[in-house]
């Protein structure tokens, strides 16, 4: 790596410059967002090298009579840290979701992914076919109340930790988890921000309850009709605007569903790289 870029990355890693200034400087030095993503740790080799600079924690928290397992990562320095609840896909607490958690930790956040039994941690065959068919038919996300209770209990678990900035606890979710991140914003008026990766929209009438800024990211190829995830994006934007809510959204040309995933890791695709930079900029702007 060029010496100037190495020094720039070290300044960012040590907290001497913020994410926005880092990305802007890399743009000026290299002329491309992909370079910023690579320097920030997108390659498998860089991930492995950086993992020694974060702390991994695996544990449980209580939600009613249930015990919820979680995977957590944070920077190896003194907090408190702004924090993100990372909500997994239907596949459960996968290696991909753990990679997302560590990526947030690499960039200065504490991130926790709870393992929700409704979403794949304990998944009997065919359990979700009814709600999948209903969501496809209506385009509306309708998570069960127990799922949101478990996420709110996760929020409360984080809020009392000494290493968490309780004023800045947000959520981010992917597909099944994206719908739940969006829904959590309708049921937790203390949520800092909600980020939705290709997740279905809650009932339109519930959007008026949202207090947090929402960022939604979609793939243009994830559009099989008016009730598809991307098909409802413009309708969602209009409804959020009518309700006076802050809503940013982007659709990435030629990007499929699950464009942020590449097997067991975060993708290095153009859409994923741009989306990640936007997520961090969105969080910076609302800090």
Foldseek 3Di string as FASTA:
>chain_A
DDPVLVVLLVCQQVPVDALVVSQVVVCVVPVDLLVVLVSLQADPVSLVVCVVQKDWDWDWDDQVPDIKIKIKIAGPDAAQFQEEEEEEALQWPFLASNQVRVSCRSNGYIYMYITDCNRHPVDDPPPCVVVVVVCLVALADDDDPSVLSVVVSVLVVQLPDPNHPNQRYAYEYAANGLQSSQVNQLVDASHAEGEHELYGHHPLVSLLSGNYAYEYEEEPQQDPDCSTSVNCVVVSVVSCVVSVHHYHYDYDYPAYGPNLDDPSHGDSDPSNSVVVSVVSVVSVVSD
